[in-house]
Amino acid sequence: MISLQAFLLFLAAALAVAITPGPGIFYIVARTLGGGRSEGLASSVGLGLGGLVHVFAGAIGLSALAMASAEAFTLLKIMGAVYLIWLGLKTWRAARIMQPSGIQTTGPRRALREGILVEALNPKTAAFFLAFIPQFVDPTAHVAAQFVVLGLISVALNTSVDLIVTIWAAKARAGLVKRPSLIARSRQLSGAVMCGLGASLLLARRAG
C-alpha cells in the first residue's frame, strides 16, 4: 500500500489544490451570491457528489477510456459546457424577476442536482484525477482501491473548502439583502460567471 511519506505528500498536494481558486470555487461563489447560503451549500455538496462519479469511474477505467477517445471527450465537454451556459442564462434572466425579499426561488434540491451534473459532466475533473492521483499510488498493491481512497480524500478536501467559501460568500450577500437592485446585479454577475465557465470548458483540450 501507499507509504506514510507518500500519503502525507498527497495530503499536502491535495490541500494546495483544494484551496487554489478554480472553476469550482467560482461556481460556488456565483451560486451563493445568486441564491443564498442554502443554495450555495447544496451546490457544494452537489459538486462533491459529482466528483465521486469521476473517482469511481476512474477506478474502474471508464474515465481513462473517455480521455483516450477524442469523440467521447468532445461529447462530454460539450454537454457540460452547454449545461453550464444554460444555467448561466437562466440565472441572468431570473435576475429580472426578483421576489420582494430578493431571495432566489431555485431551492437547494435543484441546486444539489445541478451541482452534481455540472461536475459529473466536466471532463477537466476526470483528467485531473487521472493525472494527479496515480502519482501517489503504489503500483504493486491494489491500484483501484488506492485510487478510490485517495479520490475520496481529495473530494472531501475540495468540498470542505467549497463549504467554507459558501459561508463567506453568504455573509457578503447578507449585506445586500436590503438592496434588491444589488441582489439582482449579483445574480446577473452569477449568470455571467457560469456562462464564462461553460465557455472555458468548451476550450478544454484532451491531454496528449
N, C-alpha and C. Protein backbone atom coordinates (compact mmCIF):
# COMPACT_ATOMS: atom_id res chain seq x y z
N MET A 1 0.84 -1.20 0.00
CA MET A 1 0.00 0.00 0.00
C MET A 1 0.87 1.25 0.00
N ILE A 2 0.23 2.40 -0.14
CA ILE A 2 0.94 3.66 -0.19
C ILE A 2 1.68 3.91 1.12
N SER A 3 2.91 4.42 1.03
CA SER A 3 3.72 4.68 2.22
C SER A 3 3.22 5.92 2.93
N LEU A 4 3.60 6.05 4.21
CA LEU A 4 3.19 7.21 5.00
C LEU A 4 3.74 8.49 4.39
N GLN A 5 4.98 8.45 3.92
CA GLN A 5 5.58 9.64 3.33
C GLN A 5 4.82 10.07 2.08
N ALA A 6 4.48 9.10 1.23
CA ALA A 6 3.73 9.42 0.02
C ALA A 6 2.34 9.92 0.35
N PHE A 7 1.73 9.35 1.41
CA PHE A 7 0.39 9.77 1.81
C PHE A 7 0.40 11.21 2.31
N LEU A 8 1.40 11.56 3.12
CA LEU A 8 1.50 12.93 3.63
C LEU A 8 1.76 13.91 2.49
N LEU A 9 2.56 13.49 1.54
CA LEU A 9 2.82 14.34 0.38
C LEU A 9 1.53 14.54 -0.42
N PHE A 10 0.75 13.47 -0.53
CA PHE A 10 -0.53 13.57 -1.23
C PHE A 10 -1.46 14.55 -0.53
N LEU A 11 -1.54 14.45 0.80
CA LEU A 11 -2.41 15.36 1.56
C LEU A 11 -2.02 16.81 1.35
N ALA A 12 -0.71 17.08 1.38
CA ALA A 12 -0.24 18.44 1.19
C ALA A 12 -0.60 18.94 -0.21
N ALA A 13 -0.38 18.09 -1.21
CA ALA A 13 -0.67 18.49 -2.59
C ALA A 13 -2.17 18.66 -2.80
N ALA A 14 -2.96 17.73 -2.26
CA ALA A 14 -4.41 17.80 -2.43
C ALA A 14 -4.99 19.03 -1.75
N LEU A 15 -4.45 19.38 -0.58
CA LEU A 15 -4.92 20.57 0.12
C LEU A 15 -4.57 21.83 -0.66
N ALA A 16 -3.36 21.86 -1.23
CA ALA A 16 -2.95 23.01 -2.03
C ALA A 16 -3.87 23.18 -3.22
N VAL A 17 -4.23 22.07 -3.86
CA VAL A 17 -5.15 22.12 -5.00
C VAL A 17 -6.53 22.60 -4.55
N ALA A 18 -6.98 22.12 -3.39
CA ALA A 18 -8.33 22.46 -2.90
C ALA A 18 -8.48 23.95 -2.61
N ILE A 19 -7.44 24.57 -2.06
CA ILE A 19 -7.55 25.98 -1.66
C ILE A 19 -7.19 26.93 -2.80
N THR A 20 -6.72 26.39 -3.91
CA THR A 20 -6.39 27.24 -5.05
C THR A 20 -7.68 27.61 -5.79
N PRO A 21 -7.98 28.90 -5.93
CA PRO A 21 -9.21 29.30 -6.63
C PRO A 21 -9.26 28.74 -8.05
N GLY A 22 -10.36 28.08 -8.34
CA GLY A 22 -10.54 27.49 -9.67
C GLY A 22 -12.00 27.56 -10.07
N PRO A 23 -12.37 26.91 -11.17
CA PRO A 23 -13.77 26.95 -11.64
C PRO A 23 -14.78 26.51 -10.59
N GLY A 24 -14.44 25.49 -9.78
CA GLY A 24 -15.37 25.02 -8.77
C GLY A 24 -15.69 26.09 -7.74
N ILE A 25 -14.66 26.78 -7.25
CA ILE A 25 -14.86 27.83 -6.25
C ILE A 25 -15.64 29.00 -6.86
N PHE A 26 -15.31 29.37 -8.10
CA PHE A 26 -16.03 30.46 -8.74
C PHE A 26 -17.51 30.10 -8.93
N TYR A 27 -17.75 28.83 -9.25
CA TYR A 27 -19.13 28.37 -9.42
C TYR A 27 -19.90 28.47 -8.10
N ILE A 28 -19.26 28.04 -7.03
CA ILE A 28 -19.90 28.08 -5.71
C ILE A 28 -20.19 29.52 -5.29
N VAL A 29 -19.25 30.41 -5.51
CA VAL A 29 -19.47 31.82 -5.17
C VAL A 29 -20.64 32.37 -5.98
N ALA A 30 -20.67 32.04 -7.26
CA ALA A 30 -21.75 32.53 -8.12
C ALA A 30 -23.11 32.03 -7.64
N ARG A 31 -23.20 30.74 -7.30
CA ARG A 31 -24.46 30.19 -6.84
C ARG A 31 -24.88 30.79 -5.50
N THR A 32 -23.92 31.03 -4.62
CA THR A 32 -24.24 31.58 -3.30
C THR A 32 -24.70 33.03 -3.41
N LEU A 33 -24.00 33.83 -4.20
CA LEU A 33 -24.39 35.22 -4.38
C LEU A 33 -25.75 35.32 -5.06
N GLY A 34 -26.01 34.38 -5.97
CA GLY A 34 -27.27 34.42 -6.69
C GLY A 34 -28.44 33.86 -5.92
N GLY A 35 -28.20 32.81 -5.11
CA GLY A 35 -29.31 32.13 -4.45
C GLY A 35 -29.26 32.04 -2.95
N GLY A 36 -28.19 32.52 -2.34
CA GLY A 36 -28.12 32.49 -0.89
C GLY A 36 -27.36 31.29 -0.34
N ARG A 37 -27.26 31.26 0.99
CA ARG A 37 -26.45 30.25 1.67
C ARG A 37 -26.92 28.82 1.41
N SER A 38 -28.22 28.58 1.51
CA SER A 38 -28.72 27.21 1.35
C SER A 38 -28.43 26.67 -0.04
N GLU A 39 -28.58 27.52 -1.05
CA GLU A 39 -28.30 27.09 -2.42
C GLU A 39 -26.80 26.86 -2.61
N GLY A 40 -25.99 27.71 -1.98
CA GLY A 40 -24.54 27.54 -2.07
C GLY A 40 -24.07 26.25 -1.42
N LEU A 41 -24.62 25.96 -0.24
CA LEU A 41 -24.25 24.72 0.45
C LEU A 41 -24.67 23.50 -0.35
N ALA A 42 -25.89 23.55 -0.91
CA ALA A 42 -26.37 22.43 -1.72
C ALA A 42 -25.51 22.25 -2.96
N SER A 43 -25.10 23.36 -3.57
CA SER A 43 -24.24 23.29 -4.75
C SER A 43 -22.88 22.69 -4.40
N SER A 44 -22.35 23.03 -3.22
CA SER A 44 -21.06 22.49 -2.78
C SER A 44 -21.14 20.97 -2.64
N VAL A 45 -22.21 20.51 -1.99
CA VAL A 45 -22.40 19.07 -1.83
C VAL A 45 -22.60 18.41 -3.19
N GLY A 46 -23.34 19.09 -4.07
CA GLY A 46 -23.56 18.56 -5.40
C GLY A 46 -22.27 18.38 -6.18
N LEU A 47 -21.38 19.37 -6.10
CA LEU A 47 -20.09 19.24 -6.77
C LEU A 47 -19.29 18.07 -6.20
N GLY A 48 -19.39 17.90 -4.88
CA GLY A 48 -18.69 16.78 -4.25
C GLY A 48 -19.21 15.44 -4.75
N LEU A 49 -20.52 15.31 -4.84
CA LEU A 49 -21.11 14.06 -5.33
C LEU A 49 -20.76 13.83 -6.80
N GLY A 50 -20.74 14.93 -7.57
CA GLY A 50 -20.34 14.81 -8.96
C GLY A 50 -18.88 14.38 -9.09
N GLY A 51 -18.05 14.85 -8.16
CA GLY A 51 -16.65 14.44 -8.15
C GLY A 51 -16.49 12.96 -7.88
N LEU A 52 -17.38 12.42 -7.05
CA LEU A 52 -17.32 10.98 -6.75
C LEU A 52 -17.57 10.15 -7.99
N VAL A 53 -18.37 10.68 -8.91
CA VAL A 53 -18.62 9.96 -10.17
C VAL A 53 -17.29 9.72 -10.89
N HIS A 54 -16.45 10.75 -10.92
CA HIS A 54 -15.16 10.63 -11.60
C HIS A 54 -14.20 9.73 -10.83
N VAL A 55 -14.30 9.75 -9.51
CA VAL A 55 -13.42 8.90 -8.70
C VAL A 55 -13.68 7.43 -9.00
N PHE A 56 -14.95 7.04 -8.93
CA PHE A 56 -15.28 5.62 -9.15
C PHE A 56 -15.15 5.24 -10.62
N ALA A 57 -15.46 6.18 -11.52
CA ALA A 57 -15.28 5.90 -12.94
C ALA A 57 -13.80 5.72 -13.26
N GLY A 58 -12.97 6.55 -12.64
CA GLY A 58 -11.54 6.43 -12.86
C GLY A 58 -10.99 5.13 -12.31
N ALA A 59 -11.52 4.70 -11.17
CA ALA A 59 -11.04 3.47 -10.54
C ALA A 59 -11.32 2.25 -11.40
N ILE A 60 -12.41 2.27 -12.15
CA ILE A 60 -12.74 1.10 -12.98
C ILE A 60 -12.36 1.31 -14.45
N GLY A 61 -11.71 2.46 -14.71
CA GLY A 61 -11.17 2.67 -16.05
C GLY A 61 -12.04 3.41 -17.04
N LEU A 62 -13.25 3.80 -16.63
CA LEU A 62 -14.13 4.49 -17.57
C LEU A 62 -13.59 5.86 -17.95
N SER A 63 -13.05 6.58 -16.98
CA SER A 63 -12.53 7.91 -17.26
C SER A 63 -11.33 7.83 -18.20
N ALA A 64 -10.47 6.83 -17.97
CA ALA A 64 -9.31 6.65 -18.84
C ALA A 64 -9.76 6.38 -20.27
N LEU A 65 -10.82 5.59 -20.40
CA LEU A 65 -11.35 5.28 -21.72
C LEU A 65 -11.90 6.53 -22.40
N ALA A 66 -12.61 7.34 -21.62
CA ALA A 66 -13.18 8.58 -22.17
C ALA A 66 -12.09 9.55 -22.58
N MET A 67 -11.03 9.65 -21.76
CA MET A 67 -9.94 10.55 -22.08
C MET A 67 -9.17 10.08 -23.31
N ALA A 68 -9.15 8.77 -23.55
CA ALA A 68 -8.41 8.23 -24.69
C ALA A 68 -9.18 8.42 -25.99
N SER A 69 -10.48 8.66 -25.90
CA SER A 69 -11.32 8.82 -27.08
C SER A 69 -11.61 10.29 -27.31
N ALA A 70 -11.16 10.81 -28.45
CA ALA A 70 -11.41 12.22 -28.78
C ALA A 70 -12.90 12.50 -28.87
N GLU A 71 -13.64 11.55 -29.45
CA GLU A 71 -15.08 11.75 -29.62
C GLU A 71 -15.79 11.80 -28.27
N ALA A 72 -15.43 10.87 -27.35
CA ALA A 72 -16.07 10.84 -26.03
C ALA A 72 -15.73 12.09 -25.25
N PHE A 73 -14.48 12.52 -25.32
CA PHE A 73 -14.07 13.73 -24.60
C PHE A 73 -14.84 14.95 -25.12
N THR A 74 -14.91 15.07 -26.44
CA THR A 74 -15.59 16.21 -27.04
C THR A 74 -17.07 16.23 -26.68
N LEU A 75 -17.71 15.06 -26.73
CA LEU A 75 -19.13 14.98 -26.38
C LEU A 75 -19.36 15.38 -24.92
N LEU A 76 -18.49 14.88 -24.04
CA LEU A 76 -18.64 15.16 -22.62
C LEU A 76 -18.46 16.65 -22.33
N LYS A 77 -17.45 17.26 -22.95
CA LYS A 77 -17.20 18.67 -22.66
C LYS A 77 -18.29 19.56 -23.25
N ILE A 78 -18.83 19.18 -24.41
CA ILE A 78 -19.91 19.98 -24.99
C ILE A 78 -21.16 19.90 -24.12
N MET A 79 -21.48 18.71 -23.64
CA MET A 79 -22.64 18.55 -22.76
C MET A 79 -22.47 19.38 -21.49
N GLY A 80 -21.29 19.31 -20.88
CA GLY A 80 -21.04 20.07 -19.66
C GLY A 80 -21.07 21.56 -19.90
N ALA A 81 -20.46 22.01 -21.01
CA ALA A 81 -20.40 23.44 -21.31
C ALA A 81 -21.80 23.99 -21.60
N VAL A 82 -22.57 23.28 -22.41
CA VAL A 82 -23.92 23.73 -22.74
C VAL A 82 -24.79 23.81 -21.48
N TYR A 83 -24.63 22.83 -20.59
CA TYR A 83 -25.42 22.83 -19.37
C TYR A 83 -25.07 24.04 -18.50
N LEU A 84 -23.77 24.33 -18.37
CA LEU A 84 -23.34 25.48 -17.56
C LEU A 84 -23.85 26.79 -18.17
N ILE A 85 -23.73 26.92 -19.48
CA ILE A 85 -24.18 28.14 -20.14
C ILE A 85 -25.69 28.29 -19.99
N TRP A 86 -26.42 27.17 -20.10
CA TRP A 86 -27.88 27.22 -19.90
C TRP A 86 -28.22 27.70 -18.49
N LEU A 87 -27.50 27.17 -17.48
CA LEU A 87 -27.73 27.62 -16.11
C LEU A 87 -27.44 29.10 -15.96
N GLY A 88 -26.35 29.54 -16.60
CA GLY A 88 -25.97 30.95 -16.51
C GLY A 88 -27.02 31.86 -17.12
N LEU A 89 -27.52 31.48 -18.30
CA LEU A 89 -28.54 32.30 -18.95
C LEU A 89 -29.83 32.31 -18.14
N LYS A 90 -30.17 31.16 -17.57
CA LYS A 90 -31.38 31.08 -16.75
C LYS A 90 -31.24 31.97 -15.51
N THR A 91 -30.08 31.96 -14.90
CA THR A 91 -29.84 32.80 -13.72
C THR A 91 -29.90 34.28 -14.09
N TRP A 92 -29.33 34.63 -15.24
CA TRP A 92 -29.35 36.03 -15.70
C TRP A 92 -30.79 36.50 -15.91
N ARG A 93 -31.59 35.67 -16.59
CA ARG A 93 -32.98 36.04 -16.85
C ARG A 93 -33.78 36.14 -15.55
N ALA A 94 -33.51 35.23 -14.62
CA ALA A 94 -34.25 35.22 -13.36
C ALA A 94 -33.95 36.45 -12.52
N ALA A 95 -32.81 37.11 -12.79
CA ALA A 95 -32.45 38.30 -12.02
C ALA A 95 -33.46 39.43 -12.24
N ARG A 96 -34.17 39.37 -13.35
CA ARG A 96 -35.17 40.40 -13.64
C ARG A 96 -36.52 40.10 -13.00
N ILE A 97 -36.65 38.91 -12.42
CA ILE A 97 -37.93 38.51 -11.81
C ILE A 97 -37.66 38.20 -10.35
N MET A 98 -37.39 39.20 -9.57
CA MET A 98 -37.00 39.00 -8.18
C MET A 98 -38.20 39.09 -7.25
N GLN A 99 -38.16 38.29 -6.19
CA GLN A 99 -39.15 38.41 -5.12
C GLN A 99 -38.86 39.70 -4.35
N PRO A 100 -39.87 40.27 -3.65
CA PRO A 100 -39.63 41.49 -2.89
C PRO A 100 -38.47 41.34 -1.92
N SER A 101 -38.27 40.17 -1.39
CA SER A 101 -37.20 39.97 -0.42
C SER A 101 -35.85 39.78 -1.10
N GLY A 102 -35.86 39.59 -2.42
CA GLY A 102 -34.62 39.37 -3.14
C GLY A 102 -34.10 37.95 -3.03
N ILE A 103 -34.93 37.02 -2.56
CA ILE A 103 -34.46 35.66 -2.34
C ILE A 103 -34.69 34.80 -3.59
N GLN A 104 -33.69 34.02 -3.95
CA GLN A 104 -33.79 33.10 -5.08
C GLN A 104 -34.78 31.99 -4.77
N THR A 105 -35.55 31.59 -5.79
CA THR A 105 -36.56 30.56 -5.58
C THR A 105 -36.17 29.20 -6.16
N THR A 106 -34.94 29.08 -6.65
CA THR A 106 -34.50 27.81 -7.22
C THR A 106 -34.57 26.70 -6.19
N GLY A 107 -34.06 26.94 -5.00
CA GLY A 107 -34.13 25.96 -3.92
C GLY A 107 -32.92 25.05 -3.88
N PRO A 108 -32.60 24.55 -2.69
CA PRO A 108 -31.41 23.70 -2.52
C PRO A 108 -31.48 22.37 -3.26
N ARG A 109 -32.66 21.78 -3.41
CA ARG A 109 -32.76 20.49 -4.09
C ARG A 109 -32.31 20.60 -5.53
N ARG A 110 -32.81 21.62 -6.21
CA ARG A 110 -32.41 21.80 -7.61
C ARG A 110 -30.94 22.19 -7.69
N ALA A 111 -30.48 23.01 -6.76
CA ALA A 111 -29.07 23.40 -6.74
C ALA A 111 -28.17 22.18 -6.55
N LEU A 112 -28.63 21.22 -5.72
CA LEU A 112 -27.88 19.99 -5.50
C LEU A 112 -27.78 19.19 -6.80
N ARG A 113 -28.93 19.02 -7.47
CA ARG A 113 -28.94 18.26 -8.73
C ARG A 113 -28.07 18.93 -9.78
N GLU A 114 -28.17 20.25 -9.87
CA GLU A 114 -27.39 20.97 -10.87
C GLU A 114 -25.90 20.87 -10.58
N GLY A 115 -25.53 20.92 -9.29
CA GLY A 115 -24.13 20.79 -8.92
C GLY A 115 -23.57 19.43 -9.32
N ILE A 116 -24.36 18.39 -9.10
CA ILE A 116 -23.92 17.04 -9.47
C ILE A 116 -23.68 16.96 -10.97
N LEU A 117 -24.63 17.47 -11.75
CA LEU A 117 -24.49 17.40 -13.21
C LEU A 117 -23.33 18.23 -13.72
N VAL A 118 -23.16 19.42 -13.15
CA VAL A 118 -22.06 20.30 -13.57
C VAL A 118 -20.72 19.59 -13.41
N GLU A 119 -20.52 18.95 -12.27
CA GLU A 119 -19.23 18.29 -12.01
C GLU A 119 -19.11 16.97 -12.76
N ALA A 120 -20.20 16.20 -12.81
CA ALA A 120 -20.14 14.90 -13.48
C ALA A 120 -19.90 15.05 -14.98
N LEU A 121 -20.34 16.17 -15.56
CA LEU A 121 -20.17 16.40 -16.99
C LEU A 121 -18.91 17.20 -17.31
N ASN A 122 -18.03 17.37 -16.33
CA ASN A 122 -16.81 18.15 -16.52
C ASN A 122 -15.63 17.23 -16.81
N PRO A 123 -15.16 17.17 -18.06
CA PRO A 123 -14.03 16.29 -18.38
C PRO A 123 -12.73 16.74 -17.72
N LYS A 124 -12.66 18.03 -17.35
CA LYS A 124 -11.45 18.51 -16.69
C LYS A 124 -11.26 17.81 -15.34
N THR A 125 -12.36 17.51 -14.67
CA THR A 125 -12.27 16.82 -13.39
C THR A 125 -11.75 15.41 -13.59
N ALA A 126 -12.26 14.73 -14.61
CA ALA A 126 -11.79 13.37 -14.90
C ALA A 126 -10.30 13.39 -15.24
N ALA A 127 -9.90 14.35 -16.06
CA ALA A 127 -8.49 14.45 -16.45
C ALA A 127 -7.61 14.74 -15.24
N PHE A 128 -8.10 15.57 -14.32
CA PHE A 128 -7.33 15.92 -13.14
C PHE A 128 -7.08 14.69 -12.27
N PHE A 129 -8.14 13.94 -11.99
CA PHE A 129 -7.99 12.76 -11.14
C PHE A 129 -7.04 11.75 -11.77
N LEU A 130 -7.15 11.57 -13.09
CA LEU A 130 -6.32 10.58 -13.77
C LEU A 130 -4.85 11.02 -13.83
N ALA A 131 -4.60 12.33 -13.79
CA ALA A 131 -3.23 12.83 -13.85
C ALA A 131 -2.62 12.98 -12.46
N PHE A 132 -3.46 13.30 -11.47
CA PHE A 132 -2.98 13.64 -10.13
C PHE A 132 -2.82 12.43 -9.22
N ILE A 133 -3.88 11.66 -9.07
CA ILE A 133 -3.87 10.57 -8.09
C ILE A 133 -2.86 9.46 -8.39
N PRO A 134 -2.73 9.01 -9.64
CA PRO A 134 -1.79 7.91 -9.90
C PRO A 134 -0.35 8.19 -9.46
N GLN A 135 0.03 9.46 -9.31
CA GLN A 135 1.38 9.79 -8.88
C GLN A 135 1.66 9.29 -7.47
N PHE A 136 0.62 9.05 -6.68
CA PHE A 136 0.80 8.66 -5.29
C PHE A 136 0.38 7.22 -5.03
N VAL A 137 0.02 6.51 -6.06
CA VAL A 137 -0.44 5.12 -5.93
C VAL A 137 0.73 4.15 -6.01
N ASP A 138 0.71 3.16 -5.14
CA ASP A 138 1.71 2.09 -5.16
C ASP A 138 1.28 1.05 -6.20
N PRO A 139 2.02 0.94 -7.32
CA PRO A 139 1.60 0.03 -8.40
C PRO A 139 1.68 -1.45 -8.03
N THR A 140 2.34 -1.76 -6.91
CA THR A 140 2.47 -3.16 -6.51
C THR A 140 1.30 -3.62 -5.65
N ALA A 141 0.45 -2.67 -5.23
CA ALA A 141 -0.70 -3.01 -4.38
C ALA A 141 -1.99 -2.87 -5.21
N HIS A 142 -3.13 -2.93 -4.53
CA HIS A 142 -4.43 -2.85 -5.21
C HIS A 142 -4.63 -1.41 -5.69
N VAL A 143 -4.38 -1.18 -6.97
CA VAL A 143 -4.39 0.17 -7.53
C VAL A 143 -5.78 0.82 -7.44
N ALA A 144 -6.82 0.08 -7.82
CA ALA A 144 -8.18 0.64 -7.82
C ALA A 144 -8.60 1.09 -6.42
N ALA A 145 -8.29 0.27 -5.40
CA ALA A 145 -8.66 0.62 -4.03
C ALA A 145 -7.93 1.88 -3.58
N GLN A 146 -6.65 1.98 -3.92
CA GLN A 146 -5.89 3.17 -3.55
C GLN A 146 -6.46 4.41 -4.26
N PHE A 147 -6.81 4.23 -5.53
CA PHE A 147 -7.37 5.34 -6.31
C PHE A 147 -8.65 5.85 -5.66
N VAL A 148 -9.51 4.93 -5.23
CA VAL A 148 -10.77 5.33 -4.61
C VAL A 148 -10.52 6.06 -3.29
N VAL A 149 -9.64 5.52 -2.44
CA VAL A 149 -9.37 6.13 -1.14
C VAL A 149 -8.80 7.54 -1.31
N LEU A 150 -7.79 7.67 -2.16
CA LEU A 150 -7.18 8.99 -2.38
C LEU A 150 -8.18 9.94 -3.05
N GLY A 151 -8.99 9.40 -3.95
CA GLY A 151 -10.00 10.22 -4.60
C GLY A 151 -11.04 10.74 -3.61
N LEU A 152 -11.47 9.88 -2.69
CA LEU A 152 -12.43 10.31 -1.66
C LEU A 152 -11.85 11.40 -0.79
N ILE A 153 -10.59 11.26 -0.43
CA ILE A 153 -9.93 12.29 0.39
C ILE A 153 -9.86 13.61 -0.36
N SER A 154 -9.50 13.54 -1.64
CA SER A 154 -9.40 14.74 -2.46
C SER A 154 -10.76 15.44 -2.58
N VAL A 155 -11.81 14.65 -2.82
CA VAL A 155 -13.16 15.22 -2.93
C VAL A 155 -13.58 15.84 -1.60
N ALA A 156 -13.25 15.17 -0.49
CA ALA A 156 -13.62 15.69 0.83
C ALA A 156 -12.94 17.03 1.10
N LEU A 157 -11.66 17.14 0.73
CA LEU A 157 -10.95 18.40 0.92
C LEU A 157 -11.55 19.50 0.06
N ASN A 158 -11.83 19.18 -1.20
CA ASN A 158 -12.42 20.17 -2.09
C ASN A 158 -13.78 20.64 -1.59
N THR A 159 -14.59 19.69 -1.13
CA THR A 159 -15.93 20.04 -0.64
C THR A 159 -15.85 20.87 0.63
N SER A 160 -14.92 20.55 1.51
CA SER A 160 -14.74 21.32 2.74
C SER A 160 -14.40 22.77 2.43
N VAL A 161 -13.50 22.97 1.48
CA VAL A 161 -13.14 24.33 1.08
C VAL A 161 -14.33 25.04 0.45
N ASP A 162 -15.08 24.32 -0.38
CA ASP A 162 -16.27 24.91 -1.01
C ASP A 162 -17.29 25.35 0.04
N LEU A 163 -17.45 24.56 1.09
CA LEU A 163 -18.41 24.91 2.14
C LEU A 163 -17.96 26.17 2.87
N ILE A 164 -16.67 26.27 3.12
CA ILE A 164 -16.13 27.47 3.79
C ILE A 164 -16.34 28.70 2.90
N VAL A 165 -16.06 28.54 1.62
CA VAL A 165 -16.25 29.64 0.67
C VAL A 165 -17.72 30.05 0.61
N THR A 166 -18.60 29.06 0.69
CA THR A 166 -20.03 29.35 0.69
C THR A 166 -20.42 30.23 1.86
N ILE A 167 -19.91 29.91 3.04
CA ILE A 167 -20.23 30.70 4.23
C ILE A 167 -19.74 32.13 4.08
N TRP A 168 -18.53 32.31 3.56
CA TRP A 168 -18.00 33.66 3.35
C TRP A 168 -18.85 34.42 2.32
N ALA A 169 -19.18 33.74 1.22
CA ALA A 169 -19.97 34.40 0.18
C ALA A 169 -21.37 34.75 0.69
N ALA A 170 -21.93 33.88 1.55
CA ALA A 170 -23.26 34.14 2.11
C ALA A 170 -23.23 35.37 3.01
N LYS A 171 -22.14 35.53 3.75
CA LYS A 171 -22.01 36.72 4.62
C LYS A 171 -21.95 37.98 3.77
N ALA A 172 -21.24 37.90 2.65
CA ALA A 172 -21.15 39.05 1.76
C ALA A 172 -22.52 39.38 1.17
N ARG A 173 -23.27 38.33 0.84
CA ARG A 173 -24.60 38.53 0.26
C ARG A 173 -25.57 39.09 1.29
N ALA A 174 -25.38 38.71 2.55
CA ALA A 174 -26.30 39.17 3.61
C ALA A 174 -26.34 40.69 3.68
N GLY A 175 -25.22 41.32 3.37
CA GLY A 175 -25.19 42.78 3.41
C GLY A 175 -25.94 43.42 2.26
N LEU A 176 -26.32 42.61 1.27
CA LEU A 176 -27.00 43.14 0.10
C LEU A 176 -28.50 42.87 0.11
N VAL A 177 -28.96 42.08 1.08
CA VAL A 177 -30.36 41.65 1.09
C VAL A 177 -31.34 42.83 1.09
N LYS A 178 -31.00 43.91 1.79
CA LYS A 178 -31.89 45.05 1.87
C LYS A 178 -31.80 45.96 0.65
N ARG A 179 -31.00 45.54 -0.33
CA ARG A 179 -30.84 46.34 -1.54
C ARG A 179 -31.13 45.43 -2.75
N PRO A 180 -32.40 45.26 -3.08
CA PRO A 180 -32.82 44.36 -4.16
C PRO A 180 -32.09 44.59 -5.48
N SER A 181 -31.78 45.85 -5.78
CA SER A 181 -31.11 46.13 -7.06
C SER A 181 -29.72 45.51 -7.10
N LEU A 182 -29.03 45.51 -5.95
CA LEU A 182 -27.70 44.91 -5.89
C LEU A 182 -27.79 43.38 -5.95
N ILE A 183 -28.86 42.85 -5.34
CA ILE A 183 -29.07 41.40 -5.41
C ILE A 183 -29.28 40.98 -6.86
N ALA A 184 -30.09 41.78 -7.59
CA ALA A 184 -30.34 41.47 -9.00
C ALA A 184 -29.04 41.52 -9.79
N ARG A 185 -28.21 42.52 -9.50
CA ARG A 185 -26.94 42.62 -10.21
C ARG A 185 -26.01 41.47 -9.86
N SER A 186 -26.05 41.05 -8.58
CA SER A 186 -25.19 39.92 -8.19
C SER A 186 -25.64 38.64 -8.89
N ARG A 187 -26.96 38.51 -9.10
CA ARG A 187 -27.46 37.34 -9.81
C ARG A 187 -27.07 37.40 -11.29
N GLN A 188 -27.08 38.59 -11.86
CA GLN A 188 -26.63 38.73 -13.24
C GLN A 188 -25.14 38.39 -13.35
N LEU A 189 -24.37 38.83 -12.35
CA LEU A 189 -22.95 38.51 -12.33
C LEU A 189 -22.75 37.00 -12.20
N SER A 190 -23.59 36.38 -11.36
CA SER A 190 -23.51 34.93 -11.18
C SER A 190 -23.77 34.21 -12.51
N GLY A 191 -24.79 34.68 -13.22
CA GLY A 191 -25.11 34.08 -14.51
C GLY A 191 -23.96 34.25 -15.50
N ALA A 192 -23.35 35.44 -15.49
CA ALA A 192 -22.23 35.69 -16.39
C ALA A 192 -21.05 34.79 -16.07
N VAL A 193 -20.80 34.58 -14.77
CA VAL A 193 -19.69 33.71 -14.36
C VAL A 193 -19.92 32.29 -14.85
N MET A 194 -21.15 31.79 -14.68
CA MET A 194 -21.44 30.42 -15.13
C MET A 194 -21.32 30.29 -16.64
N CYS A 195 -21.76 31.31 -17.38
CA CYS A 195 -21.60 31.29 -18.83
C CYS A 195 -20.12 31.27 -19.20
N GLY A 196 -19.33 32.06 -18.45
CA GLY A 196 -17.90 32.09 -18.70
C GLY A 196 -17.23 30.76 -18.43
N LEU A 197 -17.65 30.10 -17.36
CA LEU A 197 -17.11 28.78 -17.05
C LEU A 197 -17.47 27.77 -18.14
N GLY A 198 -18.70 27.88 -18.64
CA GLY A 198 -19.11 26.99 -19.72
C GLY A 198 -18.29 27.22 -20.98
N ALA A 199 -18.03 28.50 -21.29
CA ALA A 199 -17.24 28.82 -22.47
C ALA A 199 -15.81 28.30 -22.32
N SER A 200 -15.25 28.41 -21.10
CA SER A 200 -13.88 27.91 -20.88
C SER A 200 -13.83 26.40 -21.01
N LEU A 201 -14.91 25.74 -20.61
CA LEU A 201 -14.96 24.28 -20.73
C LEU A 201 -14.96 23.86 -22.21
N LEU A 202 -15.60 24.65 -23.06
CA LEU A 202 -15.60 24.35 -24.49
C LEU A 202 -14.20 24.39 -25.08
N LEU A 203 -13.32 25.17 -24.43
CA LEU A 203 -11.95 25.29 -24.93
C LEU A 203 -11.02 24.21 -24.38
N ALA A 204 -11.55 23.38 -23.49
CA ALA A 204 -10.71 22.34 -22.88
C ALA A 204 -10.23 21.37 -23.95
N ARG A 205 -8.97 20.98 -23.84
CA ARG A 205 -8.39 20.06 -24.81
C ARG A 205 -8.03 18.74 -24.13
N ARG A 206 -8.15 17.69 -24.90
CA ARG A 206 -7.80 16.35 -24.39
C ARG A 206 -6.30 16.25 -24.23
N ALA A 207 -5.86 15.75 -23.05
CA ALA A 207 -4.43 15.60 -22.83
C ALA A 207 -3.85 14.61 -23.81
N GLY A 208 -2.65 14.90 -24.29
CA GLY A 208 -2.00 14.02 -25.23
C GLY A 208 -2.55 14.16 -26.62
